[in-house]
Amino acid sequence: MSGPNGDLLVPADSGDEEEYIAINSMLDQINSWLDHIEEKNDHLHTQLKELLESNRQARREFQQQVNKAQVTAVEEIGTEIM
């Protein structure tokens, strides 16, 4: 008689069953590790997005300060010429 994949059905002995249990346990552990890594990755992604937005805000503020300083310098030069 054959199994669903066309393989011959061979009765499993207790050694095979223990091996399947061990493999299943290892796969469960790997799956758990992958879930943990995915959670860490999501957390890092969120932190990086926050850092990027913070840097953008700091750059905008710095650019505004530079623009104000330039306007002030131009105004001072204009008053000195008069």
N, C-alpha and C. Protein backbone atom coordinates (compact mmCIF):
# COMPACT_ATOMS: atom_id res chain seq x y z
N MET A 1 0.85 -1.17 0.00
CA MET A 1 0.00 0.00 0.00
C MET A 1 0.90 1.24 0.00
N SER A 2 0.41 2.34 -0.59
CA SER A 2 1.23 3.55 -0.67
C SER A 2 0.57 4.71 0.05
N GLY A 3 1.41 5.66 0.46
CA GLY A 3 0.94 6.84 1.17
C GLY A 3 0.47 7.92 0.19
N PRO A 4 0.13 9.11 0.69
CA PRO A 4 -0.40 10.18 -0.16
C PRO A 4 0.58 10.66 -1.22
N ASN A 5 1.87 10.51 -0.99
CA ASN A 5 2.88 10.94 -1.96
C ASN A 5 3.34 9.80 -2.85
N GLY A 6 2.70 8.67 -2.75
CA GLY A 6 3.11 7.52 -3.53
C GLY A 6 4.19 6.70 -2.87
N ASP A 7 4.65 7.13 -1.69
CA ASP A 7 5.67 6.38 -0.96
C ASP A 7 5.03 5.15 -0.34
N LEU A 8 5.82 4.13 -0.25
CA LEU A 8 5.33 2.93 0.42
C LEU A 8 5.19 3.20 1.90
N LEU A 9 4.08 2.77 2.46
CA LEU A 9 3.88 2.94 3.89
C LEU A 9 4.74 1.94 4.63
N VAL A 10 5.61 2.45 5.45
CA VAL A 10 6.48 1.61 6.25
C VAL A 10 6.13 1.89 7.70
N PRO A 11 5.83 0.87 8.46
CA PRO A 11 5.49 1.11 9.87
C PRO A 11 6.66 1.80 10.58
N ALA A 12 6.33 2.84 11.32
CA ALA A 12 7.36 3.59 12.04
C ALA A 12 7.67 2.87 13.34
N ASP A 13 8.96 2.76 13.62
CA ASP A 13 9.32 2.18 14.91
C ASP A 13 9.47 3.31 15.92
N SER A 14 9.68 2.99 17.15
CA SER A 14 9.73 4.00 18.20
C SER A 14 10.91 4.96 18.01
N GLY A 15 11.98 4.51 17.40
CA GLY A 15 13.13 5.38 17.13
C GLY A 15 12.77 6.49 16.18
N ASP A 16 11.99 6.16 15.15
CA ASP A 16 11.56 7.18 14.20
C ASP A 16 10.64 8.20 14.88
N GLU A 17 9.76 7.71 15.73
CA GLU A 17 8.82 8.60 16.41
C GLU A 17 9.58 9.57 17.32
N GLU A 18 10.58 9.07 18.02
CA GLU A 18 11.38 9.93 18.88
C GLU A 18 12.13 10.98 18.05
N GLU A 19 12.60 10.54 16.87
CA GLU A 19 13.31 11.47 15.99
C GLU A 19 12.36 12.56 15.50
N TYR A 20 11.15 12.18 15.12
CA TYR A 20 10.16 13.17 14.68
C TYR A 20 9.82 14.14 15.80
N ILE A 21 9.69 13.63 17.00
CA ILE A 21 9.40 14.49 18.15
C ILE A 21 10.55 15.48 18.37
N ALA A 22 11.79 14.99 18.26
CA ALA A 22 12.96 15.86 18.44
C ALA A 22 13.02 16.92 17.34
N ILE A 23 12.76 16.51 16.10
CA ILE A 23 12.77 17.46 14.98
C ILE A 23 11.67 18.50 15.16
N ASN A 24 10.49 18.04 15.55
CA ASN A 24 9.37 18.96 15.78
C ASN A 24 9.71 19.97 16.87
N SER A 25 10.36 19.50 17.92
CA SER A 25 10.76 20.39 19.01
C SER A 25 11.77 21.43 18.51
N MET A 26 12.73 20.98 17.71
CA MET A 26 13.72 21.91 17.16
C MET A 26 13.06 22.94 16.25
N LEU A 27 12.11 22.50 15.43
CA LEU A 27 11.41 23.43 14.55
C LEU A 27 10.60 24.44 15.36
N ASP A 28 9.98 23.99 16.44
CA ASP A 28 9.25 24.91 17.31
C ASP A 28 10.19 25.96 17.91
N GLN A 29 11.38 25.51 18.32
CA GLN A 29 12.35 26.43 18.91
C GLN A 29 12.84 27.43 17.85
N ILE A 30 13.11 26.95 16.65
CA ILE A 30 13.53 27.85 15.57
C ILE A 30 12.44 28.86 15.27
N ASN A 31 11.20 28.40 15.23
CA ASN A 31 10.07 29.30 14.98
C ASN A 31 9.98 30.37 16.07
N SER A 32 10.20 29.97 17.30
CA SER A 32 10.18 30.91 18.42
C SER A 32 11.29 31.95 18.27
N TRP A 33 12.48 31.50 17.90
CA TRP A 33 13.60 32.42 17.70
C TRP A 33 13.30 33.40 16.57
N LEU A 34 12.74 32.88 15.48
CA LEU A 34 12.41 33.74 14.35
C LEU A 34 11.36 34.78 14.73
N ASP A 35 10.39 34.38 15.53
CA ASP A 35 9.39 35.34 16.02
C ASP A 35 10.06 36.43 16.86
N HIS A 36 10.99 36.01 17.71
CA HIS A 36 11.70 36.97 18.56
C HIS A 36 12.52 37.94 17.70
N ILE A 37 13.21 37.42 16.71
CA ILE A 37 14.01 38.26 15.81
C ILE A 37 13.10 39.23 15.06
N GLU A 38 11.95 38.75 14.62
CA GLU A 38 11.02 39.62 13.90
C GLU A 38 10.52 40.75 14.80
N GLU A 39 10.24 40.44 16.06
CA GLU A 39 9.81 41.48 17.01
C GLU A 39 10.91 42.52 17.21
N LYS A 40 12.16 42.04 17.35
CA LYS A 40 13.28 42.98 17.52
C LYS A 40 13.45 43.84 16.27
N ASN A 41 13.30 43.23 15.10
CA ASN A 41 13.41 43.96 13.85
C ASN A 41 12.34 45.04 13.76
N ASP A 42 11.11 44.69 14.12
CA ASP A 42 10.02 45.68 14.10
C ASP A 42 10.32 46.83 15.06
N HIS A 43 10.84 46.49 16.23
CA HIS A 43 11.17 47.52 17.22
C HIS A 43 12.28 48.44 16.69
N LEU A 44 13.31 47.85 16.11
CA LEU A 44 14.41 48.65 15.55
C LEU A 44 13.90 49.53 14.41
N HIS A 45 13.03 48.99 13.59
CA HIS A 45 12.47 49.76 12.47
C HIS A 45 11.72 50.98 13.00
N THR A 46 10.94 50.79 14.04
CA THR A 46 10.20 51.89 14.65
C THR A 46 11.16 52.94 15.22
N GLN A 47 12.19 52.47 15.91
CA GLN A 47 13.17 53.41 16.48
C GLN A 47 13.89 54.20 15.38
N LEU A 48 14.23 53.53 14.29
CA LEU A 48 14.92 54.21 13.20
C LEU A 48 14.02 55.25 12.53
N LYS A 49 12.74 54.93 12.39
CA LYS A 49 11.81 55.90 11.82
C LYS A 49 11.70 57.13 12.73
N GLU A 50 11.64 56.90 14.05
CA GLU A 50 11.58 58.01 15.00
C GLU A 50 12.85 58.85 14.94
N LEU A 51 14.00 58.19 14.85
CA LEU A 51 15.27 58.91 14.75
C LEU A 51 15.33 59.73 13.47
N LEU A 52 14.89 59.15 12.38
CA LEU A 52 14.88 59.87 11.10
C LEU A 52 14.00 61.11 11.18
N GLU A 53 12.82 60.97 11.75
CA GLU A 53 11.92 62.13 11.89
C GLU A 53 12.53 63.18 12.81
N SER A 54 13.17 62.74 13.88
CA SER A 54 13.83 63.67 14.80
C SER A 54 14.94 64.43 14.09
N ASN A 55 15.73 63.73 13.29
CA ASN A 55 16.81 64.37 12.54
C ASN A 55 16.26 65.35 11.51
N ARG A 56 15.15 64.99 10.87
CA ARG A 56 14.54 65.91 9.91
C ARG A 56 14.08 67.19 10.61
N GLN A 57 13.46 67.03 11.77
CA GLN A 57 12.99 68.19 12.53
C GLN A 57 14.17 69.07 12.95
N ALA A 58 15.23 68.45 13.43
CA ALA A 58 16.42 69.21 13.84
C ALA A 58 17.02 69.95 12.64
N ARG A 59 17.01 69.30 11.49
CA ARG A 59 17.55 69.95 10.29
C ARG A 59 16.69 71.14 9.88
N ARG A 60 15.36 70.99 9.96
CA ARG A 60 14.47 72.11 9.64
C ARG A 60 14.72 73.28 10.59
N GLU A 61 14.84 72.99 11.87
CA GLU A 61 15.08 74.05 12.86
C GLU A 61 16.42 74.73 12.61
N PHE A 62 17.44 73.93 12.30
CA PHE A 62 18.75 74.50 12.01
C PHE A 62 18.69 75.39 10.78
N GLN A 63 17.99 74.92 9.75
CA GLN A 63 17.87 75.71 8.52
C GLN A 63 17.14 77.02 8.78
N GLN A 64 16.12 76.98 9.64
CA GLN A 64 15.41 78.21 10.00
C GLN A 64 16.34 79.19 10.71
N GLN A 65 17.19 78.67 11.60
CA GLN A 65 18.15 79.52 12.31
C GLN A 65 19.15 80.14 11.33
N VAL A 66 19.60 79.35 10.37
CA VAL A 66 20.53 79.85 9.36
C VAL A 66 19.86 80.94 8.54
N ASN A 67 18.62 80.70 8.15
CA ASN A 67 17.89 81.70 7.35
C ASN A 67 17.71 83.00 8.14
N LYS A 68 17.37 82.90 9.42
CA LYS A 68 17.21 84.09 10.26
C LYS A 68 18.54 84.83 10.39
N ALA A 69 19.62 84.09 10.56
CA ALA A 69 20.94 84.71 10.68
C ALA A 69 21.31 85.43 9.39
N GLN A 70 20.97 84.83 8.25
CA GLN A 70 21.27 85.47 6.97
C GLN A 70 20.46 86.76 6.80
N VAL A 71 19.19 86.72 7.17
CA VAL A 71 18.34 87.91 7.07
C VAL A 71 18.88 89.00 7.98
N THR A 72 19.26 88.63 9.19
CA THR A 72 19.81 89.60 10.14
C THR A 72 21.10 90.20 9.60
N ALA A 73 21.95 89.37 9.03
CA ALA A 73 23.22 89.86 8.47
C ALA A 73 22.96 90.82 7.32
N VAL A 74 22.02 90.50 6.46
CA VAL A 74 21.70 91.37 5.33
C VAL A 74 21.13 92.70 5.83
N GLU A 75 20.27 92.64 6.85
CA GLU A 75 19.71 93.87 7.42
C GLU A 75 20.80 94.74 8.04
N GLU A 76 21.75 94.10 8.73
CA GLU A 76 22.84 94.86 9.35
C GLU A 76 23.72 95.51 8.29
N ILE A 77 23.97 94.78 7.22
CA ILE A 77 24.78 95.35 6.14
C ILE A 77 24.04 96.53 5.51
N GLY A 78 22.73 96.39 5.36
CA GLY A 78 21.92 97.47 4.78
C GLY A 78 21.93 98.71 5.64
N THR A 79 21.89 98.57 6.94
CA THR A 79 21.90 99.74 7.82
C THR A 79 23.29 100.37 7.89
N GLU A 80 24.33 99.58 7.70
CA GLU A 80 25.69 100.12 7.72
C GLU A 80 25.95 100.96 6.48
N ILE A 81 25.34 100.58 5.37
CA ILE A 81 25.56 101.29 4.12
C ILE A 81 24.89 102.66 4.16
N MET A 82 23.79 102.77 4.85
CA MET A 82 23.04 104.04 4.89
C MET A 82 23.73 105.02 5.73
